[in-house]
PDB file of all heavy atoms in Angstrom:
ATOM      1  N   ARG A   1     -15.786  -3.089 -12.752  1.00  0.00           N
ATOM      2  CA  ARG A   1     -14.836  -2.560 -11.773  1.00  0.00           C
ATOM      3  C   ARG A   1     -14.923  -3.370 -10.480  1.00  0.00           C
ATOM      4  O   ARG A   1     -16.027  -3.679  -9.994  1.00  0.00           O
ATOM      5  CB  ARG A   1     -15.119  -1.090 -11.508  1.00  0.00           C
ATOM      6  CG  ARG A   1     -14.084  -0.402 -10.621  1.00  0.00           C
ATOM      7  CD  ARG A   1     -14.357   1.119 -10.531  1.00  0.00           C
ATOM      8  NE  ARG A   1     -14.261   1.737 -11.848  1.00  0.00           N
ATOM      9  CZ  ARG A   1     -14.318   3.062 -12.032  1.00  0.00           C
ATOM     10  NH1 ARG A   1     -14.425   3.885 -10.974  1.00  0.00           N
ATOM     11  NH2 ARG A   1     -14.230   3.573 -13.266  1.00  0.00           N
ATOM     12  N   GLU A   2     -13.778  -3.722  -9.923  1.00  0.00           N
ATOM     13  CA  GLU A   2     -13.744  -4.531  -8.715  1.00  0.00           C
ATOM     14  C   GLU A   2     -12.837  -3.897  -7.663  1.00  0.00           C
ATOM     15  O   GLU A   2     -11.830  -3.258  -7.995  1.00  0.00           O
ATOM     16  CB  GLU A   2     -13.271  -5.945  -9.003  1.00  0.00           C
ATOM     17  CG  GLU A   2     -11.831  -6.023  -9.524  1.00  0.00           C
ATOM     18  CD  GLU A   2     -11.324  -7.457  -9.644  1.00  0.00           C
ATOM     19  OE1 GLU A   2     -11.877  -8.363  -8.983  1.00  0.00           O
ATOM     20  OE2 GLU A   2     -10.351  -7.670 -10.400  1.00  0.00           O
ATOM     21  N   LEU A   3     -13.199  -4.086  -6.429  1.00  0.00           N
ATOM     22  CA  LEU A   3     -12.397  -3.604  -5.313  1.00  0.00           C
ATOM     23  C   LEU A   3     -11.174  -4.507  -5.153  1.00  0.00           C
ATOM     24  O   LEU A   3     -11.281  -5.723  -5.149  1.00  0.00           O
ATOM     25  CB  LEU A   3     -13.228  -3.614  -4.025  1.00  0.00           C
ATOM     26  CG  LEU A   3     -12.513  -3.203  -2.760  1.00  0.00           C
ATOM     27  CD1 LEU A   3     -12.259  -1.691  -2.754  1.00  0.00           C
ATOM     28  CD2 LEU A   3     -13.341  -3.580  -1.519  1.00  0.00           C
ATOM     29  N   VAL A   4     -10.000  -3.895  -4.978  1.00  0.00           N
ATOM     30  CA  VAL A   4      -8.782  -4.650  -4.764  1.00  0.00           C
ATOM     31  C   VAL A   4      -8.153  -4.395  -3.401  1.00  0.00           C
ATOM     32  O   VAL A   4      -7.340  -5.194  -2.940  1.00  0.00           O
ATOM     33  CB  VAL A   4      -7.724  -4.404  -5.871  1.00  0.00           C
ATOM     34  CG1 VAL A   4      -8.259  -4.890  -7.216  1.00  0.00           C
ATOM     35  CG2 VAL A   4      -7.356  -2.938  -5.943  1.00  0.00           C
ATOM     36  N   ALA A   5      -8.527  -3.302  -2.756  1.00  0.00           N
ATOM     37  CA  ALA A   5      -7.994  -3.011  -1.428  1.00  0.00           C
ATOM     38  C   ALA A   5      -8.818  -1.908  -0.778  1.00  0.00           C
ATOM     39  O   ALA A   5      -9.310  -0.999  -1.453  1.00  0.00           O
ATOM     40  CB  ALA A   5      -6.519  -2.576  -1.500  1.00  0.00           C
ATOM     41  N   HIS A   6      -8.942  -1.990   0.521  1.00  0.00           N
ATOM     42  CA  HIS A   6      -9.728  -1.014   1.271  1.00  0.00           C
ATOM     43  C   HIS A   6      -9.098  -0.809   2.637  1.00  0.00           C
ATOM     44  O   HIS A   6      -8.624  -1.762   3.254  1.00  0.00           O
ATOM     45  CB  HIS A   6     -11.183  -1.493   1.435  1.00  0.00           C
ATOM     46  CG  HIS A   6     -12.080  -0.539   2.168  1.00  0.00           C
ATOM     47  ND1 HIS A   6     -12.268  -0.584   3.517  1.00  0.00           N
ATOM     48  CD2 HIS A   6     -12.830   0.499   1.701  1.00  0.00           C
ATOM     49  CE1 HIS A   6     -13.093   0.362   3.886  1.00  0.00           C
ATOM     50  NE2 HIS A   6     -13.461   1.041   2.796  1.00  0.00           N
ATOM     51  N   ILE A   7      -9.083   0.443   3.099  1.00  0.00           N
ATOM     52  CA  ILE A   7      -8.545   0.751   4.410  1.00  0.00           C
ATOM     53  C   ILE A   7      -9.477   1.752   5.086  1.00  0.00           C
ATOM     54  O   ILE A   7      -9.830   2.781   4.509  1.00  0.00           O
ATOM     55  CB  ILE A   7      -7.097   1.272   4.324  1.00  0.00           C
ATOM     56  CG1 ILE A   7      -6.525   1.491   5.736  1.00  0.00           C
ATOM     57  CG2 ILE A   7      -7.008   2.536   3.496  1.00  0.00           C
ATOM     58  CD1 ILE A   7      -5.022   1.728   5.726  1.00  0.00           C
ATOM     59  N   THR A   8      -9.843   1.466   6.322  1.00  0.00           N
ATOM     60  CA  THR A   8     -10.746   2.329   7.076  1.00  0.00           C
ATOM     61  C   THR A   8      -9.955   3.472   7.700  1.00  0.00           C
ATOM     62  O   THR A   8      -8.720   3.502   7.696  1.00  0.00           O
ATOM     63  CB  THR A   8     -11.484   1.557   8.161  1.00  0.00           C
ATOM     64  OG1 THR A   8     -10.562   1.154   9.163  1.00  0.00           O
ATOM     65  CG2 THR A   8     -12.185   0.325   7.576  1.00  0.00           C
ATOM     66  N   SER A   9     -10.678   4.418   8.290  1.00  0.00           N
ATOM     67  CA  SER A   9     -10.044   5.512   8.962  1.00  0.00           C
ATOM     68  C   SER A   9      -9.203   5.045  10.157  1.00  0.00           C
ATOM     69  O   SER A   9      -8.227   5.709  10.537  1.00  0.00           O
ATOM     70  CB  SER A   9     -11.082   6.533   9.450  1.00  0.00           C
ATOM     71  OG  SER A   9     -11.995   5.959  10.371  1.00  0.00           O
ATOM     72  N   GLY A  10      -9.572   3.905  10.735  1.00  0.00           N
ATOM     73  CA  GLY A  10      -8.839   3.334  11.846  1.00  0.00           C
ATOM     74  C   GLY A  10      -7.684   2.436  11.427  1.00  0.00           C
ATOM     75  O   GLY A  10      -6.970   1.905  12.306  1.00  0.00           O
ATOM     76  N   GLY A  11      -7.500   2.216  10.126  1.00  0.00           N
ATOM     77  CA  GLY A  11      -6.373   1.438   9.655  1.00  0.00           C
ATOM     78  C   GLY A  11      -6.681  -0.016   9.374  1.00  0.00           C
ATOM     79  O   GLY A  11      -5.749  -0.797   9.093  1.00  0.00           O
ATOM     80  N   THR A  12      -7.931  -0.433   9.448  1.00  0.00           N
ATOM     81  CA  THR A  12      -8.293  -1.813   9.136  1.00  0.00           C
ATOM     82  C   THR A  12      -8.268  -2.039   7.633  1.00  0.00           C
ATOM     83  O   THR A  12      -8.870  -1.274   6.865  1.00  0.00           O
ATOM     84  CB  THR A  12      -9.683  -2.137   9.686  1.00  0.00           C
ATOM     85  OG1 THR A  12      -9.686  -1.966  11.100  1.00  0.00           O
ATOM     86  CG2 THR A  12     -10.058  -3.595   9.363  1.00  0.00           C
ATOM     87  N   ARG A  13      -7.583  -3.085   7.198  1.00  0.00           N
ATOM     88  CA  ARG A  13      -7.404  -3.377   5.775  1.00  0.00           C
ATOM     89  C   ARG A  13      -8.175  -4.600   5.348  1.00  0.00           C
ATOM     90  O   ARG A  13      -8.310  -5.570   6.101  1.00  0.00           O
ATOM     91  CB  ARG A  13      -5.915  -3.580   5.461  1.00  0.00           C
ATOM     92  CG  ARG A  13      -5.047  -2.363   5.723  1.00  0.00           C
ATOM     93  CD  ARG A  13      -3.570  -2.730   5.648  1.00  0.00           C
ATOM     94  NE  ARG A  13      -2.693  -1.535   5.695  1.00  0.00           N
ATOM     95  CZ  ARG A  13      -2.320  -0.950   6.825  1.00  0.00           C
ATOM     96  NH1 ARG A  13      -2.746  -1.399   7.998  1.00  0.00           N
ATOM     97  NH2 ARG A  13      -1.521   0.104   6.774  1.00  0.00           N
ATOM     98  N   ASN A  14      -8.682  -4.564   4.115  1.00  0.00           N
ATOM     99  CA  ASN A  14      -9.404  -5.664   3.520  1.00  0.00           C
ATOM    100  C   ASN A  14      -8.963  -5.862   2.078  1.00  0.00           C
ATOM    101  O   ASN A  14      -8.766  -4.886   1.357  1.00  0.00           O
ATOM    102  CB  ASN A  14     -10.905  -5.446   3.586  1.00  0.00           C
ATOM    103  CG  ASN A  14     -11.461  -5.430   4.996  1.00  0.00           C
ATOM    104  OD1 ASN A  14     -11.710  -4.391   5.575  1.00  0.00           O
ATOM    105  ND2 ASN A  14     -11.640  -6.629   5.571  1.00  0.00           N
ATOM    106  N   TYR A  15      -8.841  -7.147   1.667  1.00  0.00           N
ATOM    107  CA  TYR A  15      -8.449  -7.486   0.306  1.00  0.00           C
ATOM    108  C   TYR A  15      -9.244  -8.664  -0.175  1.00  0.00           C
ATOM    109  O   TYR A  15      -9.583  -9.558   0.606  1.00  0.00           O
ATOM    110  CB  TYR A  15      -6.967  -7.863   0.226  1.00  0.00           C
ATOM    111  CG  TYR A  15      -6.002  -6.890   0.862  1.00  0.00           C
ATOM    112  CD1 TYR A  15      -5.596  -7.045   2.180  1.00  0.00           C
ATOM    113  CD2 TYR A  15      -5.459  -5.848   0.106  1.00  0.00           C
ATOM    114  CE1 TYR A  15      -4.690  -6.181   2.762  1.00  0.00           C
ATOM    115  CE2 TYR A  15      -4.545  -4.981   0.686  1.00  0.00           C
ATOM    116  CZ  TYR A  15      -4.170  -5.136   2.020  1.00  0.00           C
ATOM    117  OH  TYR A  15      -3.278  -4.259   2.579  1.00  0.00           O
ATOM    118  N   PRO A  16      -9.560  -8.716  -1.462  1.00  0.00           N
ATOM    119  CA  PRO A  16     -10.156  -9.924  -2.019  1.00  0.00           C
ATOM    120  C   PRO A  16      -9.103 -11.006  -2.152  1.00  0.00           C
ATOM    121  O   PRO A  16      -7.889 -10.737  -2.134  1.00  0.00           O
ATOM    122  CB  PRO A  16     -10.679  -9.481  -3.383  1.00  0.00           C
ATOM    123  CG  PRO A  16      -9.744  -8.384  -3.786  1.00  0.00           C
ATOM    124  CD  PRO A  16      -9.410  -7.665  -2.487  1.00  0.00           C
ATOM    125  N   ASP A  17      -9.525 -12.257  -2.280  1.00  0.00           N
ATOM    126  CA  ASP A  17      -8.598 -13.375  -2.378  1.00  0.00           C
ATOM    127  C   ASP A  17      -7.648 -13.256  -3.556  1.00  0.00           C
ATOM    128  O   ASP A  17      -6.527 -13.759  -3.507  1.00  0.00           O
ATOM    129  CB  ASP A  17      -9.350 -14.705  -2.438  1.00  0.00           C
ATOM    130  CG  ASP A  17     -10.052 -15.042  -1.141  1.00  0.00           C
ATOM    131  OD1 ASP A  17      -9.653 -14.510  -0.073  1.00  0.00           O
ATOM    132  OD2 ASP A  17     -10.970 -15.864  -1.154  1.00  0.00           O
ATOM    133  N   SER A  18      -8.077 -12.609  -4.620  1.00  0.00           N
ATOM    134  CA  SER A  18      -7.277 -12.522  -5.830  1.00  0.00           C
ATOM    135  C   SER A  18      -5.962 -11.732  -5.642  1.00  0.00           C
ATOM    136  O   SER A  18      -5.015 -11.967  -6.378  1.00  0.00           O
ATOM    137  CB  SER A  18      -8.080 -11.882  -6.945  1.00  0.00           C
ATOM    138  OG  SER A  18      -8.515 -10.581  -6.607  1.00  0.00           O
ATOM    139  N   VAL A  19      -5.928 -10.852  -4.636  1.00  0.00           N
ATOM    140  CA  VAL A  19      -4.721 -10.050  -4.428  1.00  0.00           C
ATOM    141  C   VAL A  19      -4.148 -10.200  -3.016  1.00  0.00           C
ATOM    142  O   VAL A  19      -3.061  -9.690  -2.753  1.00  0.00           O
ATOM    143  CB  VAL A  19      -4.974  -8.558  -4.693  1.00  0.00           C
ATOM    144  CG1 VAL A  19      -5.609  -8.348  -6.058  1.00  0.00           C
ATOM    145  CG2 VAL A  19      -5.856  -7.951  -3.598  1.00  0.00           C
ATOM    146  N   LYS A  20      -4.826 -10.912  -2.150  1.00  0.00           N
ATOM    147  CA  LYS A  20      -4.381 -11.068  -0.775  1.00  0.00           C
ATOM    148  C   LYS A  20      -3.002 -11.687  -0.730  1.00  0.00           C
ATOM    149  O   LYS A  20      -2.746 -12.710  -1.369  1.00  0.00           O
ATOM    150  CB  LYS A  20      -5.394 -11.903   0.004  1.00  0.00           C
ATOM    151  CG  LYS A  20      -5.171 -11.898   1.518  1.00  0.00           C
ATOM    152  CD  LYS A  20      -6.321 -12.619   2.224  1.00  0.00           C
ATOM    153  CE  LYS A  20      -7.653 -11.940   1.950  1.00  0.00           C
ATOM    154  NZ  LYS A  20      -8.773 -12.595   2.633  1.00  0.00           N
ATOM    155  N   GLY A  21      -2.122 -11.094   0.055  1.00  0.00           N
ATOM    156  CA  GLY A  21      -0.745 -11.561   0.158  1.00  0.00           C
ATOM    157  C   GLY A  21       0.191 -10.941  -0.862  1.00  0.00           C
ATOM    158  O   GLY A  21       1.408 -11.074  -0.704  1.00  0.00           O
ATOM    159  N   ARG A  22      -0.328 -10.303  -1.863  1.00  0.00           N
ATOM    160  CA  ARG A  22       0.493  -9.662  -2.897  1.00  0.00           C
ATOM    161  C   ARG A  22       0.386  -8.147  -2.878  1.00  0.00           C
ATOM    162  O   ARG A  22       1.362  -7.461  -3.172  1.00  0.00           O
ATOM    163  CB  ARG A  22       0.121 -10.160  -4.286  1.00  0.00           C
ATOM    164  CG  ARG A  22       0.260 -11.671  -4.458  1.00  0.00           C
ATOM    165  CD  ARG A  22       0.050 -12.083  -5.925  1.00  0.00           C
ATOM    166  NE  ARG A  22      -1.309 -11.763  -6.393  1.00  0.00           N
ATOM    167  CZ  ARG A  22      -1.593 -10.936  -7.410  1.00  0.00           C
ATOM    168  NH1 ARG A  22      -0.590 -10.334  -8.056  1.00  0.00           N
ATOM    169  NH2 ARG A  22      -2.821 -10.730  -7.776  1.00  0.00           N
ATOM    170  N   PHE A  23      -0.779  -7.620  -2.563  1.00  0.00           N
ATOM    171  CA  PHE A  23      -1.034  -6.183  -2.526  1.00  0.00           C
ATOM    172  C   PHE A  23      -1.104  -5.689  -1.106  1.00  0.00           C
ATOM    173  O   PHE A  23      -1.626  -6.387  -0.212  1.00  0.00           O
ATOM    174  CB  PHE A  23      -2.326  -5.818  -3.249  1.00  0.00           C
ATOM    175  CG  PHE A  23      -2.306  -5.995  -4.755  1.00  0.00           C
ATOM    176  CD1 PHE A  23      -1.250  -6.669  -5.385  1.00  0.00           C
ATOM    177  CD2 PHE A  23      -3.338  -5.499  -5.529  1.00  0.00           C
ATOM    178  CE1 PHE A  23      -1.227  -6.837  -6.753  1.00  0.00           C
ATOM    179  CE2 PHE A  23      -3.341  -5.664  -6.916  1.00  0.00           C
ATOM    180  CZ  PHE A  23      -2.285  -6.325  -7.511  1.00  0.00           C
ATOM    181  N   THR A  24      -0.658  -4.469  -0.871  1.00  0.00           N
ATOM    182  CA  THR A  24      -0.755  -3.839   0.436  1.00  0.00           C
ATOM    183  C   THR A  24      -1.209  -2.390   0.280  1.00  0.00           C
ATOM    184  O   THR A  24      -0.588  -1.628  -0.457  1.00  0.00           O
ATOM    185  CB  THR A  24       0.588  -3.870   1.176  1.00  0.00           C
ATOM    186  OG1 THR A  24       1.050  -5.204   1.327  1.00  0.00           O
ATOM    187  CG2 THR A  24       0.457  -3.233   2.566  1.00  0.00           C
ATOM    188  N   ILE A  25      -2.295  -2.034   0.955  1.00  0.00           N
ATOM    189  CA  ILE A  25      -2.769  -0.660   0.946  1.00  0.00           C
ATOM    190  C   ILE A  25      -2.268   0.034   2.222  1.00  0.00           C
ATOM    191  O   ILE A  25      -2.240  -0.572   3.295  1.00  0.00           O
ATOM    192  CB  ILE A  25      -4.283  -0.602   0.834  1.00  0.00           C
ATOM    193  CG1 ILE A  25      -4.768   0.843   0.657  1.00  0.00           C
ATOM    194  CG2 ILE A  25      -4.982  -1.249   2.051  1.00  0.00           C
ATOM    195  CD1 ILE A  25      -6.250   0.973   0.331  1.00  0.00           C
ATOM    196  N   SER A  26      -1.919   1.299   2.100  1.00  0.00           N
ATOM    197  CA  SER A  26      -1.483   2.083   3.243  1.00  0.00           C
ATOM    198  C   SER A  26      -1.933   3.517   3.031  1.00  0.00           C
ATOM    199  O   SER A  26      -2.305   3.905   1.933  1.00  0.00           O
ATOM    200  CB  SER A  26       0.037   2.001   3.443  1.00  0.00           C
ATOM    201  OG  SER A  26       0.732   2.502   2.317  1.00  0.00           O
ATOM    202  N   ARG A  27      -1.881   4.291   4.111  1.00  0.00           N
ATOM    203  CA  ARG A  27      -2.288   5.689   4.033  1.00  0.00           C
ATOM    204  C   ARG A  27      -1.390   6.570   4.840  1.00  0.00           C
ATOM    205  O   ARG A  27      -0.814   6.157   5.853  1.00  0.00           O
ATOM    206  CB  ARG A  27      -3.763   5.836   4.497  1.00  0.00           C
ATOM    207  CG  ARG A  27      -4.003   5.396   5.932  1.00  0.00           C
ATOM    208  CD  ARG A  27      -5.483   5.356   6.263  1.00  0.00           C
ATOM    209  NE  ARG A  27      -6.077   6.680   6.314  1.00  0.00           N
ATOM    210  CZ  ARG A  27      -7.375   6.958   6.259  1.00  0.00           C
ATOM    211  NH1 ARG A  27      -8.220   5.952   6.089  1.00  0.00           N
ATOM    212  NH2 ARG A  27      -7.813   8.199   6.335  1.00  0.00           N
ATOM    213  N   ASP A  28      -1.273   7.811   4.389  1.00  0.00           N
ATOM    214  CA  ASP A  28      -0.530   8.846   5.104  1.00  0.00           C
ATOM    215  C   ASP A  28      -1.443  10.040   5.208  1.00  0.00           C
ATOM    216  O   ASP A  28      -1.587  10.815   4.273  1.00  0.00           O
ATOM    217  CB  ASP A  28       0.762   9.196   4.353  1.00  0.00           C
ATOM    218  CG  ASP A  28       1.663  10.146   5.145  1.00  0.00           C
ATOM    219  OD1 ASP A  28       1.144  10.879   6.004  1.00  0.00           O
ATOM    220  OD2 ASP A  28       2.871  10.139   4.879  1.00  0.00           O
ATOM    221  N   ASN A  29      -2.099  10.158   6.351  1.00  0.00           N
ATOM    222  CA  ASN A  29      -3.089  11.217   6.516  1.00  0.00           C
ATOM    223  C   ASN A  29      -2.459  12.614   6.440  1.00  0.00           C
ATOM    224  O   ASN A  29      -3.108  13.559   5.963  1.00  0.00           O
ATOM    225  CB  ASN A  29      -3.814  11.059   7.854  1.00  0.00           C
ATOM    226  CG  ASN A  29      -4.710   9.849   7.881  1.00  0.00           C
ATOM    227  OD1 ASN A  29      -5.199   9.384   6.846  1.00  0.00           O
ATOM    228  ND2 ASN A  29      -4.972   9.325   9.065  1.00  0.00           N
ATOM    229  N   ALA A  30      -1.225  12.755   6.901  1.00  0.00           N
ATOM    230  CA  ALA A  30      -0.556  14.055   6.846  1.00  0.00           C
ATOM    231  C   ALA A  30      -0.338  14.544   5.427  1.00  0.00           C
ATOM    232  O   ALA A  30      -0.290  15.721   5.164  1.00  0.00           O
ATOM    233  CB  ALA A  30       0.779  13.996   7.588  1.00  0.00           C
ATOM    234  N   LYS A  31      -0.216  13.593   4.487  1.00  0.00           N
ATOM    235  CA  LYS A  31      -0.013  13.915   3.077  1.00  0.00           C
ATOM    236  C   LYS A  31      -1.270  13.742   2.258  1.00  0.00           C
ATOM    237  O   LYS A  31      -1.242  13.917   1.026  1.00  0.00           O
ATOM    238  CB  LYS A  31       1.105  13.051   2.484  1.00  0.00           C
ATOM    239  CG  LYS A  31       2.460  13.278   3.111  1.00  0.00           C
ATOM    240  CD  LYS A  31       3.530  12.394   2.466  1.00  0.00           C
ATOM    241  CE  LYS A  31       4.881  12.638   3.058  1.00  0.00           C
ATOM    242  NZ  LYS A  31       5.931  11.796   2.446  1.00  0.00           N
TER     243      LYS A  31
END
């Protein structure tokens, strides 16, 4: 299992090179 996207409580995003530029992580705290 590998990490493909991560987002902190403050909204900072991280991606590995394999998906960077193609994948986007986002969050909706209200939902």
